[in-house]
Amino acid sequence: MADVCTTGERLFKELDEYIESVGAKPDKLISILQKAQELFGYLSPEVQQHIADTLKIPASQVYGVVTFYNFFSTKPKGKIQIKVCLGTACYVKGADRILERFLEELQVKPEEPTKDGLFSVHPVRCLGACSMAPVILVGEKDFYGRLKPDMVPRIIAKYREGVK
């Protein structure tokens, strides 16, 4: 009979294999949290408790590390994250309207994933591309500059098509 495993169980199993490979020691906590976030997309209370139990450390210690570093997330994010720069140069050139249009088109609030889990929109302080203001970063490498609100639907459509 085939071994049936839910997605969550499979992810926990993969996390446990990773922990075993690096060693179940408290000094490996950050790398284990990074792997867990890579696998699950965010660090839920269940994932944090699992890590605490596996490493035999208090859950409060795991939570403290998760909430100290801003690269860890305790909330689900979309598969494709759209970062809208709200730094001074971008804001002056209309970044607030860009942000509003993304939220309106995707029918979400900031930081929340879309119903299909594909997108989330994240206001950020500065993306370091002030000369191209207003700018967004889609994923980790796709910059778009000199944006106008009417460009937003085409950008969303491009990434929706890329997923199909």
C-alpha atoms as a PDB file:
ATOM      1  CA  MET A   1       0.000   0.000   0.000  1.00  0.00           C
ATOM      2  CA  ALA A   2       1.305   3.462  -0.901  1.00  0.00           C
ATOM      3  CA  ASP A   3       2.362   5.834   1.850  1.00  0.00           C
ATOM      4  CA  VAL A   4      -0.158   8.706   1.867  1.00  0.00           C
ATOM      5  CA  CYS A   5       1.120  11.967   3.266  1.00  0.00           C
ATOM      6  CA  THR A   6      -0.510  15.404   3.416  1.00  0.00           C
ATOM      7  CA  THR A   7       1.392  18.446   2.240  1.00  0.00           C
ATOM      8  CA  GLY A   8       1.842  19.644   5.820  1.00  0.00           C
ATOM      9  CA  GLU A   9       3.172  16.283   6.947  1.00  0.00           C
ATOM     10  CA  ARG A  10       5.557  16.194   3.995  1.00  0.00           C
ATOM     11  CA  LEU A  11       6.846  19.681   4.835  1.00  0.00           C
ATOM     12  CA  PHE A  12       7.366  18.788   8.498  1.00  0.00           C
ATOM     13  CA  LYS A  13       9.193  15.648   7.413  1.00  0.00           C
ATOM     14  CA  GLU A  14      11.428  17.691   5.103  1.00  0.00           C
ATOM     15  CA  LEU A  15      12.080  20.158   7.933  1.00  0.00           C
ATOM     16  CA  ASP A  16      12.986  17.302  10.292  1.00  0.00           C
ATOM     17  CA  GLU A  17      15.393  15.903   7.708  1.00  0.00           C
ATOM     18  CA  TYR A  18      17.017  19.311   7.428  1.00  0.00           C
ATOM     19  CA  ILE A  19      17.303  19.643  11.204  1.00  0.00           C
ATOM     20  CA  GLU A  20      18.898  16.216  11.351  1.00  0.00           C
ATOM     21  CA  SER A  21      21.380  17.183   8.626  1.00  0.00           C
ATOM     22  CA  VAL A  22      22.526  20.376  10.404  1.00  0.00           C
ATOM     23  CA  GLY A  23      22.159  19.034  13.922  1.00  0.00           C
ATOM     24  CA  ALA A  24      19.308  19.615  16.377  1.00  0.00           C
ATOM     25  CA  LYS A  25      21.197  22.221  18.379  1.00  0.00           C
ATOM     26  CA  PRO A  26      20.006  25.627  19.583  1.00  0.00           C
ATOM     27  CA  ASP A  27      22.925  27.356  17.815  1.00  0.00           C
ATOM     28  CA  LYS A  28      21.379  26.238  14.493  1.00  0.00           C
ATOM     29  CA  LEU A  29      18.061  27.986  15.243  1.00  0.00           C
ATOM     30  CA  ILE A  30      18.351  30.784  12.669  1.00  0.00           C
ATOM     31  CA  SER A  31      19.270  28.467   9.796  1.00  0.00           C
ATOM     32  CA  ILE A  32      16.463  26.091  10.826  1.00  0.00           C
ATOM     33  CA  LEU A  33      13.978  28.978  10.906  1.00  0.00           C
ATOM     34  CA  GLN A  34      15.158  30.079   7.458  1.00  0.00           C
ATOM     35  CA  LYS A  35      14.604  26.569   6.097  1.00  0.00           C
ATOM     36  CA  ALA A  36      11.187  26.355   7.764  1.00  0.00           C
ATOM     37  CA  GLN A  37      10.140  29.677   6.231  1.00  0.00           C
ATOM     38  CA  GLU A  38      11.392  28.522   2.831  1.00  0.00           C
ATOM     39  CA  LEU A  39       9.305  25.350   3.146  1.00  0.00           C
ATOM     40  CA  PHE A  40       6.113  26.720   4.728  1.00  0.00           C
ATOM     41  CA  GLY A  41       6.203  30.302   3.430  1.00  0.00           C
ATOM     42  CA  TYR A  42       5.953  31.706   6.955  1.00  0.00           C
ATOM     43  CA  LEU A  43       6.513  30.647  10.561  1.00  0.00           C
ATOM     44  CA  SER A  44       3.173  29.695  12.092  1.00  0.00           C
ATOM     45  CA  PRO A  45       2.847  29.010  15.839  1.00  0.00           C
ATOM     46  CA  GLU A  46       2.708  25.281  15.001  1.00  0.00           C
ATOM     47  CA  VAL A  47       5.972  25.402  13.074  1.00  0.00           C
ATOM     48  CA  GLN A  48       7.644  27.432  15.826  1.00  0.00           C
ATOM     49  CA  GLN A  49       6.466  24.949  18.487  1.00  0.00           C
ATOM     50  CA  HIS A  50       7.693  22.026  16.398  1.00  0.00           C
ATOM     51  CA  ILE A  51      11.135  23.599  16.134  1.00  0.00           C
ATOM     52  CA  ALA A  52      11.201  24.361  19.864  1.00  0.00           C
ATOM     53  CA  ASP A  53      10.244  20.778  20.714  1.00  0.00           C
ATOM     54  CA  THR A  54      12.799  19.339  18.295  1.00  0.00           C
ATOM     55  CA  LEU A  55      15.612  21.542  19.614  1.00  0.00           C
ATOM     56  CA  LYS A  56      14.432  21.119  23.224  1.00  0.00           C
ATOM     57  CA  ILE A  57      14.295  24.869  23.834  1.00  0.00           C
ATOM     58  CA  PRO A  58      11.431  27.058  25.084  1.00  0.00           C
ATOM     59  CA  ALA A  59       8.924  28.171  22.435  1.00  0.00           C
ATOM     60  CA  SER A  60       9.422  31.711  23.758  1.00  0.00           C
ATOM     61  CA  GLN A  61      13.062  31.552  22.640  1.00  0.00           C
ATOM     62  CA  VAL A  62      12.003  30.593  19.096  1.00  0.00           C
ATOM     63  CA  TYR A  63       9.326  33.300  19.069  1.00  0.00           C
ATOM     64  CA  GLY A  64      11.852  35.866  20.321  1.00  0.00           C
ATOM     65  CA  VAL A  65      14.199  35.151  17.426  1.00  0.00           C
ATOM     66  CA  VAL A  66      11.347  35.099  14.880  1.00  0.00           C
ATOM     67  CA  THR A  67      10.029  38.484  15.998  1.00  0.00           C
ATOM     68  CA  PHE A  68      13.461  40.077  16.410  1.00  0.00           C
ATOM     69  CA  TYR A  69      14.534  39.640  12.781  1.00  0.00           C
ATOM     70  CA  ASN A  70      12.393  41.368  10.157  1.00  0.00           C
ATOM     71  CA  PHE A  71      13.178  38.760   7.489  1.00  0.00           C
ATOM     72  CA  PHE A  72      11.049  36.213   9.336  1.00  0.00           C
ATOM     73  CA  SER A  73       7.295  36.301   8.860  1.00  0.00           C
ATOM     74  CA  THR A  74       4.569  35.007  11.148  1.00  0.00           C
ATOM     75  CA  LYS A  75       1.872  35.592   8.532  1.00  0.00           C
ATOM     76  CA  PRO A  76       1.340  33.919   5.168  1.00  0.00           C
ATOM     77  CA  LYS A  77       2.582  35.812   2.129  1.00  0.00           C
ATOM     78  CA  GLY A  78       1.722  35.445  -1.515  1.00  0.00           C
ATOM     79  CA  LYS A  79       3.856  33.289  -3.760  1.00  0.00           C
ATOM     80  CA  ILE A  80       4.665  36.473  -5.686  1.00  0.00           C
ATOM     81  CA  GLN A  81       5.439  39.397  -3.405  1.00  0.00           C
ATOM     82  CA  ILE A  82       5.077  42.913  -4.734  1.00  0.00           C
ATOM     83  CA  LYS A  83       7.059  45.508  -2.801  1.00  0.00           C
ATOM     84  CA  VAL A  84       5.905  49.082  -3.374  1.00  0.00           C
ATOM     85  CA  CYS A  85       8.470  51.698  -2.415  1.00  0.00           C
ATOM     86  CA  LEU A  86       7.078  54.491  -0.259  1.00  0.00           C
ATOM     87  CA  GLY A  87      10.391  56.278   0.249  1.00  0.00           C
ATOM     88  CA  THR A  88      10.425  60.045  -0.151  1.00  0.00           C
ATOM     89  CA  ALA A  89      11.294  60.181  -3.865  1.00  0.00           C
ATOM     90  CA  CYS A  90       8.716  57.511  -4.736  1.00  0.00           C
ATOM     91  CA  TYR A  91       6.037  58.986  -2.496  1.00  0.00           C
ATOM     92  CA  VAL A  92       6.434  62.450  -4.018  1.00  0.00           C
ATOM     93  CA  LYS A  93       6.032  60.889  -7.479  1.00  0.00           C
ATOM     94  CA  GLY A  94       2.783  59.070  -6.609  1.00  0.00           C
ATOM     95  CA  ALA A  95       3.751  55.770  -4.986  1.00  0.00           C
ATOM     96  CA  ASP A  96       0.697  55.993  -2.733  1.00  0.00           C
ATOM     97  CA  ARG A  97      -1.528  55.813  -5.846  1.00  0.00           C
ATOM     98  CA  ILE A  98       0.479  52.818  -7.134  1.00  0.00           C
ATOM     99  CA  LEU A  99       0.014  51.042  -3.810  1.00  0.00           C
ATOM    100  CA  GLU A 100      -3.727  51.840  -3.769  1.00  0.00           C
ATOM    101  CA  ARG A 101      -4.138  50.500  -7.309  1.00  0.00           C
ATOM    102  CA  PHE A 102      -2.378  47.194  -6.502  1.00  0.00           C
ATOM    103  CA  LEU A 103      -4.526  46.729  -3.398  1.00  0.00           C
ATOM    104  CA  GLU A 104      -7.678  47.572  -5.349  1.00  0.00           C
ATOM    105  CA  GLU A 105      -6.866  45.310  -8.314  1.00  0.00           C
ATOM    106  CA  LEU A 106      -5.896  42.365  -6.105  1.00  0.00           C
ATOM    107  CA  GLN A 107      -8.653  43.037  -3.531  1.00  0.00           C
ATOM    108  CA  VAL A 108      -6.313  42.729  -0.543  1.00  0.00           C
ATOM    109  CA  LYS A 109      -4.987  44.738   2.358  1.00  0.00           C
ATOM    110  CA  PRO A 110      -1.258  45.405   2.712  1.00  0.00           C
ATOM    111  CA  GLU A 111       0.760  42.307   3.673  1.00  0.00           C
ATOM    112  CA  GLU A 112      -2.182  39.913   3.081  1.00  0.00           C
ATOM    113  CA  PRO A 113      -2.094  37.235   0.376  1.00  0.00           C
ATOM    114  CA  THR A 114      -4.748  37.128  -2.335  1.00  0.00           C
ATOM    115  CA  LYS A 115      -7.437  34.456  -1.974  1.00  0.00           C
ATOM    116  CA  ASP A 116      -5.560  32.213  -4.410  1.00  0.00           C
ATOM    117  CA  GLY A 117      -2.308  32.763  -2.473  1.00  0.00           C
ATOM    118  CA  LEU A 118      -0.548  34.047  -5.586  1.00  0.00           C
ATOM    119  CA  PHE A 119       0.142  37.691  -4.649  1.00  0.00           C
ATOM    120  CA  SER A 120       0.763  39.861  -1.622  1.00  0.00           C
ATOM    121  CA  VAL A 121       1.546  43.580  -1.626  1.00  0.00           C
ATOM    122  CA  HIS A 122       4.088  45.013   0.796  1.00  0.00           C
ATOM    123  CA  PRO A 123       4.725  48.727   1.347  1.00  0.00           C
ATOM    124  CA  VAL A 124       8.460  49.250   1.974  1.00  0.00           C
ATOM    125  CA  ARG A 125      10.538  52.259   2.953  1.00  0.00           C
ATOM    126  CA  CYS A 126      13.117  52.351   0.150  1.00  0.00           C
ATOM    127  CA  LEU A 127      14.196  50.075  -2.675  1.00  0.00           C
ATOM    128  CA  GLY A 128      17.234  52.169  -3.557  1.00  0.00           C
ATOM    129  CA  ALA A 129      16.147  53.103  -7.068  1.00  0.00           C
ATOM    130  CA  CYS A 130      15.132  56.706  -6.430  1.00  0.00           C
ATOM    131  CA  SER A 131      16.076  57.903  -9.922  1.00  0.00           C
ATOM    132  CA  MET A 132      13.347  55.638 -11.346  1.00  0.00           C
ATOM    133  CA  ALA A 133      10.634  56.722  -8.868  1.00  0.00           C
ATOM    134  CA  PRO A 134       8.046  55.484  -8.259  1.00  0.00           C
ATOM    135  CA  VAL A 135       9.304  51.889  -8.217  1.00  0.00           C
ATOM    136  CA  ILE A 136       8.180  48.418  -7.258  1.00  0.00           C
ATOM    137  CA  LEU A 137      10.020  45.143  -6.859  1.00  0.00           C
ATOM    138  CA  VAL A 138       8.221  41.957  -7.881  1.00  0.00           C
ATOM    139  CA  GLY A 139       9.761  38.864  -6.354  1.00  0.00           C
ATOM    140  CA  GLU A 140      13.445  39.277  -5.672  1.00  0.00           C
ATOM    141  CA  LYS A 141      14.692  40.744  -8.941  1.00  0.00           C
ATOM    142  CA  ASP A 142      12.051  42.346 -11.193  1.00  0.00           C
ATOM    143  CA  PHE A 143      12.178  46.136 -10.797  1.00  0.00           C
ATOM    144  CA  TYR A 144       9.628  48.399 -12.457  1.00  0.00           C
ATOM    145  CA  GLY A 145      10.175  52.147 -12.467  1.00  0.00           C
ATOM    146  CA  ARG A 146       8.458  55.365 -13.497  1.00  0.00           C
ATOM    147  CA  LEU A 147       5.148  53.660 -12.842  1.00  0.00           C
ATOM    148  CA  LYS A 148       1.692  55.049 -13.389  1.00  0.00           C
ATOM    149  CA  PRO A 149      -1.422  53.549 -11.784  1.00  0.00           C
ATOM    150  CA  ASP A 150      -2.770  52.429 -15.171  1.00  0.00           C
ATOM    151  CA  MET A 151       0.288  50.135 -15.586  1.00  0.00           C
ATOM    152  CA  VAL A 152      -0.659  48.015 -12.554  1.00  0.00           C
ATOM    153  CA  PRO A 153      -3.212  45.696 -14.258  1.00  0.00           C
ATOM    154  CA  ARG A 154      -0.680  44.769 -16.978  1.00  0.00           C
ATOM    155  CA  ILE A 155       1.970  43.941 -14.392  1.00  0.00           C
ATOM    156  CA  ILE A 156      -0.444  41.703 -12.483  1.00  0.00           C
ATOM    157  CA  ALA A 157      -1.564  40.006 -15.708  1.00  0.00           C
ATOM    158  CA  LYS A 158       2.052  39.295 -16.702  1.00  0.00           C
ATOM    159  CA  TYR A 159       2.683  37.362 -13.490  1.00  0.00           C
ATOM    160  CA  ARG A 160      -0.686  35.592 -13.551  1.00  0.00           C
ATOM    161  CA  GLU A 161       0.142  34.369 -17.068  1.00  0.00           C
ATOM    162  CA  GLY A 162       3.584  33.234 -15.973  1.00  0.00           C
ATOM    163  CA  VAL A 163       2.033  30.927 -13.373  1.00  0.00           C
ATOM    164  CA  LYS A 164      -0.282  29.140 -15.802  1.00  0.00           C
END
